[in-house]
Amino acid sequence: MAICVDIVRIGFFVYACWLMWRYVAIVADERMVTVDLPRNIVFYSVLAGFVLMLGRSIQVFIANQRRGYSVLERPEEFQKVED
């Protein structure tokens, strides 16, 4: 089940990155209404955020595969009690 969650999460971020890339290409030449700057500054920042989240999702998926389980399957392994 955890593998399914990881794959769905990665798929979502791949799709979001693809959609943002297409949207930026469409509105690349438009200007903001209140500030005279191109809108693609904001949208490239959002795209960068999605790419970073995709990278982290892939990193977590690889770590879960190497470990053999995820936090969803064994949450007690990730809880540390310090005195």
Protein backbone atom coordinates (compact mmCIF):
# COMPACT_ATOMS: atom_id res chain seq x y z
CA MET A 1 0.00 0.00 0.00
CA ALA A 2 2.85 2.40 0.80
CA ILE A 3 4.37 1.77 -2.63
CA CYS A 4 1.05 2.76 -4.19
CA VAL A 5 0.99 5.98 -2.15
CA ASP A 6 4.54 6.82 -3.24
CA ILE A 7 3.77 6.17 -6.90
CA VAL A 8 0.57 8.23 -6.80
CA ARG A 9 2.45 11.10 -5.10
CA ILE A 10 5.22 11.01 -7.72
CA GLY A 11 2.64 10.86 -10.51
CA PHE A 12 0.81 13.86 -9.10
CA PHE A 13 3.98 15.97 -8.97
CA VAL A 14 5.02 14.90 -12.49
CA TYR A 15 1.59 15.95 -13.77
CA ALA A 16 1.68 19.24 -11.82
CA CYS A 17 5.13 20.06 -13.21
CA TRP A 18 3.97 19.31 -16.73
CA LEU A 19 0.86 21.47 -16.32
CA MET A 20 2.85 24.38 -14.88
CA TRP A 21 5.38 24.13 -17.71
CA ARG A 22 2.59 24.30 -20.28
CA TYR A 23 0.88 27.20 -18.46
CA VAL A 24 4.10 29.19 -18.25
CA ALA A 25 4.59 28.74 -21.98
CA ILE A 26 1.10 30.11 -22.62
CA VAL A 27 1.32 33.21 -20.38
CA ALA A 28 5.05 33.91 -20.70
CA ASP A 29 4.63 37.33 -22.33
CA GLU A 30 1.84 38.68 -20.11
CA ARG A 31 2.49 41.36 -17.51
CA MET A 32 1.15 41.59 -13.95
CA VAL A 33 -1.71 43.98 -13.30
CA THR A 34 -0.46 45.79 -10.20
CA VAL A 35 3.30 45.57 -10.75
CA ASP A 36 4.85 46.09 -14.16
CA LEU A 37 6.77 42.81 -14.20
CA PRO A 38 6.32 39.66 -16.25
CA ARG A 39 4.01 37.05 -14.78
CA ASN A 40 6.39 34.23 -15.59
CA ILE A 41 8.56 35.22 -12.59
CA VAL A 42 5.84 34.00 -10.25
CA PHE A 43 4.97 30.95 -12.31
CA TYR A 44 8.59 29.85 -12.69
CA SER A 45 8.88 30.04 -8.89
CA VAL A 46 5.83 27.80 -8.53
CA LEU A 47 7.26 25.43 -11.13
CA ALA A 48 10.56 25.29 -9.21
CA GLY A 49 8.62 24.42 -6.05
CA PHE A 50 6.83 21.57 -7.80
CA VAL A 51 10.11 20.27 -9.22
CA LEU A 52 11.67 20.32 -5.73
CA MET A 53 8.67 18.45 -4.29
CA LEU A 54 8.95 15.91 -7.11
CA GLY A 55 12.62 15.42 -6.33
CA ARG A 56 11.88 14.92 -2.64
CA SER A 57 9.11 12.43 -3.44
CA ILE A 58 11.50 10.39 -5.57
CA GLN A 59 14.11 10.57 -2.80
CA VAL A 60 11.60 9.29 -0.20
CA PHE A 61 10.45 6.52 -2.56
CA ILE A 62 14.04 5.32 -3.06
CA ALA A 63 14.73 5.44 0.69
CA ASN A 64 11.55 3.45 1.40
CA GLN A 65 12.53 0.82 -1.17
CA ARG A 66 16.03 0.47 0.26
CA ARG A 67 14.71 0.28 3.83
CA GLY A 68 11.94 -2.15 2.93
CA TYR A 69 9.18 -0.23 4.69
CA SER A 70 7.85 3.31 5.04
CA VAL A 71 6.57 5.49 7.84
CA LEU A 72 3.05 4.49 6.79
CA GLU A 73 3.76 0.84 7.56
CA ARG A 74 5.91 1.15 10.70
CA PRO A 75 5.46 4.56 12.35
CA GLU A 76 7.04 3.34 15.58
CA GLU A 77 10.40 2.99 13.79
CA PHE A 78 10.44 6.73 13.14
CA GLN A 79 9.51 7.87 16.65
CA LYS A 80 12.46 8.53 18.89
CA VAL A 81 11.92 8.96 22.61
CA GLU A 82 14.71 10.86 24.29
CA ASP A 83 15.14 11.14 28.05
